[in-house]
Amino acid sequence: MSIFADKHCETKTSLLDPGEVKSHLQEISPEWQLADDEKSISRTFKFKNYYDTMSFVNVVAMVAHRQDHHPQMVVNYNTCRVEYSTHSVGGLSLNDFICAARVDGILKI
């Protein structure tokens, strides 16, 4: 279980430095990828069918609502790409890793 899974997003957050980003990436699933510009992290989730995909999307939406931190999602028949970035700081904040860890936890339920 990630050290971020029990944390909550904060309204006031700050930009992480590259060392913090690399350290935090080690605390979430290795399937999360750092963007080339190092301003976002993303992961593509695969499912059996559309129903399972949409069920996942709805739970991610619930996490986003509760944390007040919303990802960009690209949804297809059996995949969903979830991308986190904190636009207010122009890159990655702790909130992105908190939500990524919570999304990872969805699959363990």
PDB file of N, CA and C in Angstrom:
ATOM      1  N   MET A   1       0.839  -1.178   0.000  1.00  0.00           N
ATOM      2  CA  MET A   1       0.000   0.000   0.000  1.00  0.00           C
ATOM      3  C   MET A   1       0.892   1.252   0.000  1.00  0.00           C
ATOM      4  N   SER A   2       0.543   2.196  -0.810  1.00  0.00           N
ATOM      5  CA  SER A   2       1.326   3.420  -0.959  1.00  0.00           C
ATOM      6  C   SER A   2       1.229   4.301   0.290  1.00  0.00           C
ATOM      7  N   ILE A   3       2.284   5.023   0.549  1.00  0.00           N
ATOM      8  CA  ILE A   3       2.272   5.971   1.664  1.00  0.00           C
ATOM      9  C   ILE A   3       1.296   7.118   1.410  1.00  0.00           C
ATOM     10  N   PHE A   4       0.846   7.265   0.172  1.00  0.00           N
ATOM     11  CA  PHE A   4      -0.057   8.356  -0.189  1.00  0.00           C
ATOM     12  C   PHE A   4      -1.529   7.982  -0.086  1.00  0.00           C
ATOM     13  N   ALA A   5      -1.840   6.705   0.005  1.00  0.00           N
ATOM     14  CA  ALA A   5      -3.226   6.235  -0.085  1.00  0.00           C
ATOM     15  C   ALA A   5      -4.141   6.795   0.996  1.00  0.00           C
ATOM     16  N   ASP A   6      -3.618   7.097   2.163  1.00  0.00           N
ATOM     17  CA  ASP A   6      -4.447   7.605   3.253  1.00  0.00           C
ATOM     18  C   ASP A   6      -4.383   9.124   3.414  1.00  0.00           C
ATOM     19  N   LYS A   7      -3.634   9.778   2.546  1.00  0.00           N
ATOM     20  CA  LYS A   7      -3.521  11.238   2.618  1.00  0.00           C
ATOM     21  C   LYS A   7      -4.669  11.883   1.844  1.00  0.00           C
ATOM     22  N   HIS A   8      -4.895  13.158   2.100  1.00  0.00           N
ATOM     23  CA  HIS A   8      -5.929  13.917   1.413  1.00  0.00           C
ATOM     24  C   HIS A   8      -5.292  15.092   0.684  1.00  0.00           C
ATOM     25  N   CYS A   9      -5.846  15.423  -0.466  1.00  0.00           N
ATOM     26  CA  CYS A   9      -5.343  16.556  -1.240  1.00  0.00           C
ATOM     27  C   CYS A   9      -5.537  17.849  -0.459  1.00  0.00           C
ATOM     28  N   GLU A  10      -4.600  18.755  -0.644  1.00  0.00           N
ATOM     29  CA  GLU A  10      -4.628  20.051   0.025  1.00  0.00           C
ATOM     30  C   GLU A  10      -4.915  21.140  -1.007  1.00  0.00           C
ATOM     31  N   THR A  11      -5.681  22.128  -0.599  1.00  0.00           N
ATOM     32  CA  THR A  11      -5.985  23.240  -1.494  1.00  0.00           C
ATOM     33  C   THR A  11      -4.720  24.006  -1.838  1.00  0.00           C
ATOM     34  N   LYS A  12      -3.921  24.282  -0.826  1.00  0.00           N
ATOM     35  CA  LYS A  12      -2.655  24.976  -1.065  1.00  0.00           C
ATOM     36  C   LYS A  12      -1.573  23.915  -1.219  1.00  0.00           C
ATOM     37  N   THR A  13      -1.016  23.875  -2.398  1.00  0.00           N
ATOM     38  CA  THR A  13       0.016  22.890  -2.688  1.00  0.00           C
ATOM     39  C   THR A  13       1.118  23.576  -3.477  1.00  0.00           C
ATOM     40  N   SER A  14       2.229  22.907  -3.622  1.00  0.00           N
ATOM     41  CA  SER A  14       3.343  23.520  -4.345  1.00  0.00           C
ATOM     42  C   SER A  14       3.944  22.542  -5.343  1.00  0.00           C
ATOM     43  N   LEU A  15       4.668  23.110  -6.263  1.00  0.00           N
ATOM     44  CA  LEU A  15       5.351  22.341  -7.295  1.00  0.00           C
ATOM     45  C   LEU A  15       6.447  21.492  -6.663  1.00  0.00           C
ATOM     46  N   LEU A  16       6.484  20.225  -7.039  1.00  0.00           N
ATOM     47  CA  LEU A  16       7.535  19.324  -6.554  1.00  0.00           C
ATOM     48  C   LEU A  16       8.790  19.504  -7.388  1.00  0.00           C
ATOM     49  N   ASP A  17       9.944  19.366  -6.765  1.00  0.00           N
ATOM     50  CA  ASP A  17      11.182  19.419  -7.542  1.00  0.00           C
ATOM     51  C   ASP A  17      11.427  18.037  -8.155  1.00  0.00           C
ATOM     52  N   PRO A  18      12.284  17.938  -9.173  1.00  0.00           N
ATOM     53  CA  PRO A  18      12.500  16.663  -9.868  1.00  0.00           C
ATOM     54  C   PRO A  18      12.888  15.500  -8.947  1.00  0.00           C
ATOM     55  N   GLY A  19      13.658  15.763  -7.915  1.00  0.00           N
ATOM     56  CA  GLY A  19      14.031  14.704  -6.971  1.00  0.00           C
ATOM     57  C   GLY A  19      12.831  14.172  -6.211  1.00  0.00           C
ATOM     58  N   GLU A  20      11.949  15.074  -5.805  1.00  0.00           N
ATOM     59  CA  GLU A  20      10.729  14.658  -5.106  1.00  0.00           C
ATOM     60  C   GLU A  20       9.838  13.841  -6.033  1.00  0.00           C
ATOM     61  N   VAL A  21       9.724  14.268  -7.283  1.00  0.00           N
ATOM     62  CA  VAL A  21       8.898  13.541  -8.261  1.00  0.00           C
ATOM     63  C   VAL A  21       9.422  12.115  -8.418  1.00  0.00           C
ATOM     64  N   LYS A  22      10.707  11.960  -8.605  1.00  0.00           N
ATOM     65  CA  LYS A  22      11.286  10.619  -8.781  1.00  0.00           C
ATOM     66  C   LYS A  22      11.086   9.760  -7.538  1.00  0.00           C
ATOM     67  N   SER A  23      11.238  10.351  -6.376  1.00  0.00           N
ATOM     68  CA  SER A  23      11.019   9.620  -5.127  1.00  0.00           C
ATOM     69  C   SER A  23       9.561   9.201  -4.991  1.00  0.00           C
ATOM     70  N   HIS A  24       8.643  10.114  -5.280  1.00  0.00           N
ATOM     71  CA  HIS A  24       7.213   9.816  -5.163  1.00  0.00           C
ATOM     72  C   HIS A  24       6.766   8.774  -6.182  1.00  0.00           C
ATOM     73  N   LEU A  25       7.377   8.774  -7.367  1.00  0.00           N
ATOM     74  CA  LEU A  25       7.030   7.760  -8.374  1.00  0.00           C
ATOM     75  C   LEU A  25       7.301   6.354  -7.862  1.00  0.00           C
ATOM     76  N   GLN A  26       8.277   6.208  -7.005  1.00  0.00           N
ATOM     77  CA  GLN A  26       8.610   4.895  -6.456  1.00  0.00           C
ATOM     78  C   GLN A  26       7.580   4.426  -5.439  1.00  0.00           C
ATOM     79  N   GLU A  27       6.732   5.329  -4.977  1.00  0.00           N
ATOM     80  CA  GLU A  27       5.737   4.997  -3.956  1.00  0.00           C
ATOM     81  C   GLU A  27       4.370   4.612  -4.542  1.00  0.00           C
ATOM     82  N   ILE A  28       4.226   4.730  -5.852  1.00  0.00           N
ATOM     83  CA  ILE A  28       2.977   4.333  -6.506  1.00  0.00           C
ATOM     84  C   ILE A  28       3.285   3.208  -7.484  1.00  0.00           C
ATOM     85  N   SER A  29       2.267   2.681  -8.120  1.00  0.00           N
ATOM     86  CA  SER A  29       2.461   1.576  -9.060  1.00  0.00           C
ATOM     87  C   SER A  29       3.489   1.950 -10.132  1.00  0.00           C
ATOM     88  N   PRO A  30       4.362   1.008 -10.495  1.00  0.00           N
ATOM     89  CA  PRO A  30       5.370   1.301 -11.522  1.00  0.00           C
ATOM     90  C   PRO A  30       4.761   1.527 -12.910  1.00  0.00           C
ATOM     91  N   GLU A  31       3.470   1.290 -13.049  1.00  0.00           N
ATOM     92  CA  GLU A  31       2.826   1.516 -14.342  1.00  0.00           C
ATOM     93  C   GLU A  31       2.537   2.999 -14.602  1.00  0.00           C
ATOM     94  N   TRP A  32       2.649   3.840 -13.576  1.00  0.00           N
ATOM     95  CA  TRP A  32       2.500   5.279 -13.787  1.00  0.00           C
ATOM     96  C   TRP A  32       3.747   5.787 -14.487  1.00  0.00           C
ATOM     97  N   GLN A  33       3.534   6.560 -15.542  1.00  0.00           N
ATOM     98  CA  GLN A  33       4.640   7.070 -16.352  1.00  0.00           C
ATOM     99  C   GLN A  33       4.755   8.581 -16.201  1.00  0.00           C
ATOM    100  N   LEU A  34       5.962   9.060 -16.102  1.00  0.00           N
ATOM    101  CA  LEU A  34       6.236  10.483 -16.052  1.00  0.00           C
ATOM    102  C   LEU A  34       6.303  11.004 -17.483  1.00  0.00           C
ATOM    103  N   ALA A  35       5.595  12.091 -17.762  1.00  0.00           N
ATOM    104  CA  ALA A  35       5.610  12.684 -19.101  1.00  0.00           C
ATOM    105  C   ALA A  35       7.003  13.206 -19.422  1.00  0.00           C
ATOM    106  N   ASP A  36       7.305  13.304 -20.701  1.00  0.00           N
ATOM    107  CA  ASP A  36       8.609  13.798 -21.134  1.00  0.00           C
ATOM    108  C   ASP A  36       8.923  15.183 -20.574  1.00  0.00           C
ATOM    109  N   ASP A  37       7.903  16.028 -20.451  1.00  0.00           N
ATOM    110  CA  ASP A  37       8.134  17.371 -19.912  1.00  0.00           C
ATOM    111  C   ASP A  37       8.131  17.388 -18.382  1.00  0.00           C
ATOM    112  N   GLU A  38       7.906  16.219 -17.774  1.00  0.00           N
ATOM    113  CA  GLU A  38       7.899  16.018 -16.318  1.00  0.00           C
ATOM    114  C   GLU A  38       6.848  16.869 -15.595  1.00  0.00           C
ATOM    115  N   LYS A  39       5.754  17.201 -16.322  1.00  0.00           N
ATOM    116  CA  LYS A  39       4.694  18.007 -15.724  1.00  0.00           C
ATOM    117  C   LYS A  39       3.440  17.202 -15.414  1.00  0.00           C
ATOM    118  N   SER A  40       3.455  15.909 -15.735  1.00  0.00           N
ATOM    119  CA  SER A  40       2.288  15.071 -15.454  1.00  0.00           C
ATOM    120  C   SER A  40       2.713  13.610 -15.329  1.00  0.00           C
ATOM    121  N   ILE A  41       1.819  12.829 -14.709  1.00  0.00           N
ATOM    122  CA  ILE A  41       1.983  11.381 -14.650  1.00  0.00           C
ATOM    123  C   ILE A  41       0.717  10.769 -15.231  1.00  0.00           C
ATOM    124  N   SER A  42       0.862   9.618 -15.865  1.00  0.00           N
ATOM    125  CA  SER A  42      -0.306   8.959 -16.455  1.00  0.00           C
ATOM    126  C   SER A  42      -0.149   7.450 -16.389  1.00  0.00           C
ATOM    127  N   ARG A  43      -1.299   6.814 -16.488  1.00  0.00           N
ATOM    128  CA  ARG A  43      -1.342   5.348 -16.508  1.00  0.00           C
ATOM    129  C   ARG A  43      -2.544   4.926 -17.342  1.00  0.00           C
ATOM    130  N   THR A  44      -2.365   3.891 -18.140  1.00  0.00           N
ATOM    131  CA  THR A  44      -3.466   3.337 -18.917  1.00  0.00           C
ATOM    132  C   THR A  44      -3.921   2.039 -18.263  1.00  0.00           C
ATOM    133  N   PHE A  45      -5.202   1.985 -17.959  1.00  0.00           N
ATOM    134  CA  PHE A  45      -5.826   0.826 -17.334  1.00  0.00           C
ATOM    135  C   PHE A  45      -6.586   0.051 -18.402  1.00  0.00           C
ATOM    136  N   LYS A  46      -6.502  -1.287 -18.356  1.00  0.00           N
ATOM    137  CA  LYS A  46      -7.182  -2.143 -19.334  1.00  0.00           C
ATOM    138  C   LYS A  46      -8.230  -2.993 -18.643  1.00  0.00           C
ATOM    139  N   PHE A  47      -9.357  -3.178 -19.342  1.00  0.00           N
ATOM    140  CA  PHE A  47     -10.490  -3.910 -18.783  1.00  0.00           C
ATOM    141  C   PHE A  47     -11.032  -4.921 -19.792  1.00  0.00           C
ATOM    142  N   LYS A  48     -11.917  -5.790 -19.308  1.00  0.00           N
ATOM    143  CA  LYS A  48     -12.509  -6.824 -20.166  1.00  0.00           C
ATOM    144  C   LYS A  48     -13.505  -6.258 -21.172  1.00  0.00           C
ATOM    145  N   ASN A  49     -14.221  -5.220 -20.751  1.00  0.00           N
ATOM    146  CA  ASN A  49     -15.308  -4.736 -21.594  1.00  0.00           C
ATOM    147  C   ASN A  49     -15.654  -3.286 -21.233  1.00  0.00           C
ATOM    148  N   TYR A  50     -16.606  -2.751 -21.960  1.00  0.00           N
ATOM    149  CA  TYR A  50     -17.016  -1.357 -21.772  1.00  0.00           C
ATOM    150  C   TYR A  50     -17.624  -1.130 -20.389  1.00  0.00           C
ATOM    151  N   TYR A  51     -18.427  -2.054 -19.935  1.00  0.00           N
ATOM    152  CA  TYR A  51     -19.065  -1.917 -18.619  1.00  0.00           C
ATOM    153  C   TYR A  51     -18.010  -1.772 -17.516  1.00  0.00           C
ATOM    154  N   ASP A  52     -17.010  -2.633 -17.532  1.00  0.00           N
ATOM    155  CA  ASP A  52     -15.950  -2.560 -16.520  1.00  0.00           C
ATOM    156  C   ASP A  52     -15.171  -1.245 -16.629  1.00  0.00           C
ATOM    157  N   THR A  53     -14.939  -0.812 -17.856  1.00  0.00           N
ATOM    158  CA  THR A  53     -14.239   0.458 -18.067  1.00  0.00           C
ATOM    159  C   THR A  53     -15.030   1.611 -17.470  1.00  0.00           C
ATOM    160  N   MET A  54     -16.314   1.660 -17.765  1.00  0.00           N
ATOM    161  CA  MET A  54     -17.143   2.759 -17.278  1.00  0.00           C
ATOM    162  C   MET A  54     -17.324   2.700 -15.757  1.00  0.00           C
ATOM    163  N   SER A  55     -17.361   1.511 -15.199  1.00  0.00           N
ATOM    164  CA  SER A  55     -17.436   1.385 -13.741  1.00  0.00           C
ATOM    165  C   SER A  55     -16.194   2.002 -13.105  1.00  0.00           C
ATOM    166  N   PHE A  56     -15.042   1.720 -13.682  1.00  0.00           N
ATOM    167  CA  PHE A  56     -13.787   2.294 -13.206  1.00  0.00           C
ATOM    168  C   PHE A  56     -13.813   3.821 -13.326  1.00  0.00           C
ATOM    169  N   VAL A  57     -14.259   4.329 -14.466  1.00  0.00           N
ATOM    170  CA  VAL A  57     -14.325   5.778 -14.688  1.00  0.00           C
ATOM    171  C   VAL A  57     -15.191   6.442 -13.612  1.00  0.00           C
ATOM    172  N   ASN A  58     -16.308   5.824 -13.283  1.00  0.00           N
ATOM    173  CA  ASN A  58     -17.187   6.396 -12.264  1.00  0.00           C
ATOM    174  C   ASN A  58     -16.541   6.433 -10.888  1.00  0.00           C
ATOM    175  N   VAL A  59     -15.771   5.422 -10.556  1.00  0.00           N
ATOM    176  CA  VAL A  59     -15.094   5.423  -9.257  1.00  0.00           C
ATOM    177  C   VAL A  59     -13.970   6.467  -9.253  1.00  0.00           C
ATOM    178  N   VAL A  60     -13.250   6.606 -10.368  1.00  0.00           N
ATOM    179  CA  VAL A  60     -12.227   7.654 -10.457  1.00  0.00           C
ATOM    180  C   VAL A  60     -12.883   9.023 -10.300  1.00  0.00           C
ATOM    181  N   ALA A  61     -14.051   9.195 -10.891  1.00  0.00           N
ATOM    182  CA  ALA A  61     -14.779  10.465 -10.756  1.00  0.00           C
ATOM    183  C   ALA A  61     -15.149  10.730  -9.295  1.00  0.00           C
ATOM    184  N   MET A  62     -15.515   9.690  -8.567  1.00  0.00           N
ATOM    185  CA  MET A  62     -15.844   9.847  -7.155  1.00  0.00           C
ATOM    186  C   MET A  62     -14.599  10.266  -6.356  1.00  0.00           C
ATOM    187  N   VAL A  63     -13.468   9.631  -6.638  1.00  0.00           N
ATOM    188  CA  VAL A  63     -12.211  10.004  -5.979  1.00  0.00           C
ATOM    189  C   VAL A  63     -11.898  11.467  -6.280  1.00  0.00           C
ATOM    190  N   ALA A  64     -12.037  11.852  -7.541  1.00  0.00           N
ATOM    191  CA  ALA A  64     -11.745  13.231  -7.944  1.00  0.00           C
ATOM    192  C   ALA A  64     -12.643  14.218  -7.202  1.00  0.00           C
ATOM    193  N   HIS A  65     -13.902  13.891  -7.103  1.00  0.00           N
ATOM    194  CA  HIS A  65     -14.849  14.767  -6.417  1.00  0.00           C
ATOM    195  C   HIS A  65     -14.492  14.904  -4.934  1.00  0.00           C
ATOM    196  N   ARG A  66     -14.221  13.790  -4.294  1.00  0.00           N
ATOM    197  CA  ARG A  66     -13.903  13.821  -2.858  1.00  0.00           C
ATOM    198  C   ARG A  66     -12.587  14.524  -2.561  1.00  0.00           C
ATOM    199  N   GLN A  67     -11.625  14.387  -3.468  1.00  0.00           N
ATOM    200  CA  GLN A  67     -10.315  15.014  -3.256  1.00  0.00           C
ATOM    201  C   GLN A  67     -10.246  16.426  -3.849  1.00  0.00           C
ATOM    202  N   ASP A  68     -11.249  16.788  -4.632  1.00  0.00           N
ATOM    203  CA  ASP A  68     -11.273  18.065  -5.352  1.00  0.00           C
ATOM    204  C   ASP A  68     -10.002  18.240  -6.179  1.00  0.00           C
ATOM    205  N   HIS A  69      -9.632  17.149  -6.848  1.00  0.00           N
ATOM    206  CA  HIS A  69      -8.464  17.138  -7.736  1.00  0.00           C
ATOM    207  C   HIS A  69      -8.820  16.217  -8.893  1.00  0.00           C
ATOM    208  N   HIS A  70      -8.898  16.781 -10.083  1.00  0.00           N
ATOM    209  CA  HIS A  70      -9.512  16.080 -11.205  1.00  0.00           C
ATOM    210  C   HIS A  70      -8.500  15.733 -12.293  1.00  0.00           C
ATOM    211  N   PRO A  71      -8.481  14.460 -12.705  1.00  0.00           N
ATOM    212  CA  PRO A  71      -7.556  14.046 -13.756  1.00  0.00           C
ATOM    213  C   PRO A  71      -8.153  14.306 -15.139  1.00  0.00           C
ATOM    214  N   GLN A  72      -7.302  14.230 -16.102  1.00  0.00           N
ATOM    215  CA  GLN A  72      -7.766  14.148 -17.485  1.00  0.00           C
ATOM    216  C   GLN A  72      -7.891  12.660 -17.775  1.00  0.00           C
ATOM    217  N   MET A  73      -8.999  12.258 -18.382  1.00  0.00           N
ATOM    218  CA  MET A  73      -9.189  10.849 -18.712  1.00  0.00           C
ATOM    219  C   MET A  73      -9.545  10.706 -20.186  1.00  0.00           C
ATOM    220  N   VAL A  74      -8.963   9.688 -20.796  1.00  0.00           N
ATOM    221  CA  VAL A  74      -9.303   9.318 -22.164  1.00  0.00           C
ATOM    222  C   VAL A  74      -9.887   7.914 -22.081  1.00  0.00           C
ATOM    223  N   VAL A  75     -11.161   7.793 -22.462  1.00  0.00           N
ATOM    224  CA  VAL A  75     -11.895   6.547 -22.282  1.00  0.00           C
ATOM    225  C   VAL A  75     -12.190   5.917 -23.640  1.00  0.00           C
ATOM    226  N   ASN A  76     -11.880   4.635 -23.744  1.00  0.00           N
ATOM    227  CA  ASN A  76     -12.216   3.834 -24.915  1.00  0.00           C
ATOM    228  C   ASN A  76     -12.985   2.603 -24.452  1.00  0.00           C
ATOM    229  N   TYR A  77     -13.280   1.716 -25.365  1.00  0.00           N
ATOM    230  CA  TYR A  77     -14.085   0.537 -25.052  1.00  0.00           C
ATOM    231  C   TYR A  77     -13.548  -0.233 -23.849  1.00  0.00           C
ATOM    232  N   ASN A  78     -12.266  -0.569 -23.868  1.00  0.00           N
ATOM    233  CA  ASN A  78     -11.720  -1.379 -22.775  1.00  0.00           C
ATOM    234  C   ASN A  78     -10.447  -0.800 -22.158  1.00  0.00           C
ATOM    235  N   THR A  79     -10.242   0.508 -22.338  1.00  0.00           N
ATOM    236  CA  THR A  79      -9.108   1.166 -21.702  1.00  0.00           C
ATOM    237  C   THR A  79      -9.518   2.544 -21.186  1.00  0.00           C
ATOM    238  N   CYS A  80      -8.768   2.974 -20.188  1.00  0.00           N
ATOM    239  CA  CYS A  80      -8.933   4.337 -19.670  1.00  0.00           C
ATOM    240  C   CYS A  80      -7.549   4.848 -19.309  1.00  0.00           C
ATOM    241  N   ARG A  81      -7.174   5.938 -19.929  1.00  0.00           N
ATOM    242  CA  ARG A  81      -5.900   6.585 -19.601  1.00  0.00           C
ATOM    243  C   ARG A  81      -6.200   7.713 -18.615  1.00  0.00           C
ATOM    244  N   VAL A  82      -5.534   7.678 -17.468  1.00  0.00           N
ATOM    245  CA  VAL A  82      -5.726   8.670 -16.420  1.00  0.00           C
ATOM    246  C   VAL A  82      -4.433   9.483 -16.320  1.00  0.00           C
ATOM    247  N   GLU A  83      -4.573  10.802 -16.374  1.00  0.00           N
ATOM    248  CA  GLU A  83      -3.409  11.681 -16.308  1.00  0.00           C
ATOM    249  C   GLU A  83      -3.623  12.734 -15.226  1.00  0.00           C
ATOM    250  N   TYR A  84      -2.630  12.884 -14.370  1.00  0.00           N
ATOM    251  CA  TYR A  84      -2.671  13.881 -13.305  1.00  0.00           C
ATOM    252  C   TYR A  84      -1.586  14.931 -13.497  1.00  0.00           C
ATOM    253  N   SER A  85      -1.974  16.170 -13.251  1.00  0.00           N
ATOM    254  CA  SER A  85      -1.087  17.316 -13.224  1.00  0.00           C
ATOM    255  C   SER A  85      -1.799  18.392 -12.420  1.00  0.00           C
ATOM    256  N   THR A  86      -1.058  19.220 -11.735  1.00  0.00           N
ATOM    257  CA  THR A  86      -1.670  20.308 -10.980  1.00  0.00           C
ATOM    258  C   THR A  86      -1.446  21.598 -11.751  1.00  0.00           C
ATOM    259  N   HIS A  87      -2.476  22.006 -12.454  1.00  0.00           N
ATOM    260  CA  HIS A  87      -2.352  23.163 -13.338  1.00  0.00           C
ATOM    261  C   HIS A  87      -2.039  24.444 -12.583  1.00  0.00           C
ATOM    262  N   SER A  88      -2.527  24.568 -11.359  1.00  0.00           N
ATOM    263  CA  SER A  88      -2.295  25.797 -10.591  1.00  0.00           C
ATOM    264  C   SER A  88      -0.822  26.003 -10.234  1.00  0.00           C
ATOM    265  N   VAL A  89      -0.028  24.927 -10.246  1.00  0.00           N
ATOM    266  CA  VAL A  89       1.405  25.068  -9.952  1.00  0.00           C
ATOM    267  C   VAL A  89       2.259  24.822 -11.195  1.00  0.00           C
ATOM    268  N   GLY A  90       1.621  24.482 -12.298  1.00  0.00           N
ATOM    269  CA  GLY A  90       2.350  24.286 -13.547  1.00  0.00           C
ATOM    270  C   GLY A  90       3.135  22.997 -13.633  1.00  0.00           C
ATOM    271  N   GLY A  91       2.677  21.971 -12.938  1.00  0.00           N
ATOM    272  CA  GLY A  91       3.374  20.687 -12.981  1.00  0.00           C
ATOM    273  C   GLY A  91       2.826  19.745 -11.936  1.00  0.00           C
ATOM    274  N   LEU A  92       3.694  18.973 -11.340  1.00  0.00           N
ATOM    275  CA  LEU A  92       3.280  17.957 -10.377  1.00  0.00           C
ATOM    276  C   LEU A  92       3.348  18.455  -8.943  1.00  0.00           C
ATOM    277  N   SER A  93       2.310  18.114  -8.189  1.00  0.00           N
ATOM    278  CA  SER A  93       2.264  18.403  -6.756  1.00  0.00           C
ATOM    279  C   SER A  93       1.997  17.094  -6.014  1.00  0.00           C
ATOM    280  N   LEU A  94       2.047  17.148  -4.715  1.00  0.00           N
ATOM    281  CA  LEU A  94       1.750  15.976  -3.902  1.00  0.00           C
ATOM    282  C   LEU A  94       0.339  15.464  -4.193  1.00  0.00           C
ATOM    283  N   ASN A  95      -0.597  16.365  -4.506  1.00  0.00           N
ATOM    284  CA  ASN A  95      -1.970  15.960  -4.805  1.00  0.00           C
ATOM    285  C   ASN A  95      -2.048  14.938  -5.934  1.00  0.00           C
ATOM    286  N   ASP A  96      -1.188  15.069  -6.939  1.00  0.00           N
ATOM    287  CA  ASP A  96      -1.197  14.136  -8.064  1.00  0.00           C
ATOM    288  C   ASP A  96      -0.840  12.720  -7.610  1.00  0.00           C
ATOM    289  N   PHE A  97       0.098  12.603  -6.715  1.00  0.00           N
ATOM    290  CA  PHE A  97       0.516  11.292  -6.224  1.00  0.00           C
ATOM    291  C   PHE A  97      -0.500  10.701  -5.253  1.00  0.00           C
ATOM    292  N   ILE A  98      -1.148  11.558  -4.489  1.00  0.00           N
ATOM    293  CA  ILE A  98      -2.217  11.091  -3.601  1.00  0.00           C
ATOM    294  C   ILE A  98      -3.337  10.477  -4.427  1.00  0.00           C
ATOM    295  N   CYS A  99      -3.756  11.182  -5.461  1.00  0.00           N
ATOM    296  CA  CYS A  99      -4.850  10.665  -6.296  1.00  0.00           C
ATOM    297  C   CYS A  99      -4.427   9.434  -7.091  1.00  0.00           C
ATOM    298  N   ALA A 100      -3.204   9.411  -7.578  1.00  0.00           N
ATOM    299  CA  ALA A 100      -2.718   8.226  -8.293  1.00  0.00           C
ATOM    300  C   ALA A 100      -2.753   7.004  -7.376  1.00  0.00           C
ATOM    301  N   ALA A 101      -2.325   7.170  -6.137  1.00  0.00           N
ATOM    302  CA  ALA A 101      -2.343   6.057  -5.183  1.00  0.00           C
ATOM    303  C   ALA A 101      -3.777   5.612  -4.902  1.00  0.00           C
ATOM    304  N   ARG A 102      -4.690   6.552  -4.789  1.00  0.00           N
ATOM    305  CA  ARG A 102      -6.088   6.204  -4.552  1.00  0.00           C
ATOM    306  C   ARG A 102      -6.681   5.461  -5.753  1.00  0.00           C
ATOM    307  N   VAL A 103      -6.322   5.887  -6.958  1.00  0.00           N
ATOM    308  CA  VAL A 103      -6.795   5.193  -8.168  1.00  0.00           C
ATOM    309  C   VAL A 103      -6.215   3.779  -8.211  1.00  0.00           C
ATOM    310  N   ASP A 104      -4.962   3.629  -7.861  1.00  0.00           N
ATOM    311  CA  ASP A 104      -4.374   2.287  -7.787  1.00  0.00           C
ATOM    312  C   ASP A 104      -5.168   1.409  -6.826  1.00  0.00           C
ATOM    313  N   GLY A 105      -5.602   2.000  -5.725  1.00  0.00           N
ATOM    314  CA  GLY A 105      -6.372   1.252  -4.717  1.00  0.00           C
ATOM    315  C   GLY A 105      -7.720   0.763  -5.218  1.00  0.00           C
ATOM    316  N   ILE A 106      -8.280   1.429  -6.196  1.00  0.00           N
ATOM    317  CA  ILE A 106      -9.554   1.010  -6.773  1.00  0.00           C
ATOM    318  C   ILE A 106      -9.466  -0.427  -7.277  1.00  0.00           C
ATOM    319  N   LEU A 107      -8.364  -0.747  -7.895  1.00  0.00           N
ATOM    320  CA  LEU A 107      -8.204  -2.070  -8.503  1.00  0.00           C
ATOM    321  C   LEU A 107      -7.981  -3.169  -7.471  1.00  0.00           C
ATOM    322  N   LYS A 108      -7.701  -2.783  -6.234  1.00  0.00           N
ATOM    323  CA  LYS A 108      -7.465  -3.772  -5.177  1.00  0.00           C
ATOM    324  C   LYS A 108      -8.724  -4.070  -4.374  1.00  0.00           C
ATOM    325  N   ILE A 109      -9.801  -3.364  -4.697  1.00  0.00           N
ATOM    326  CA  ILE A 109     -11.062  -3.554  -3.959  1.00  0.00           C
ATOM    327  C   ILE A 109     -11.721  -4.852  -4.392  1.00  0.00           C
TER     328      ILE A 109
END
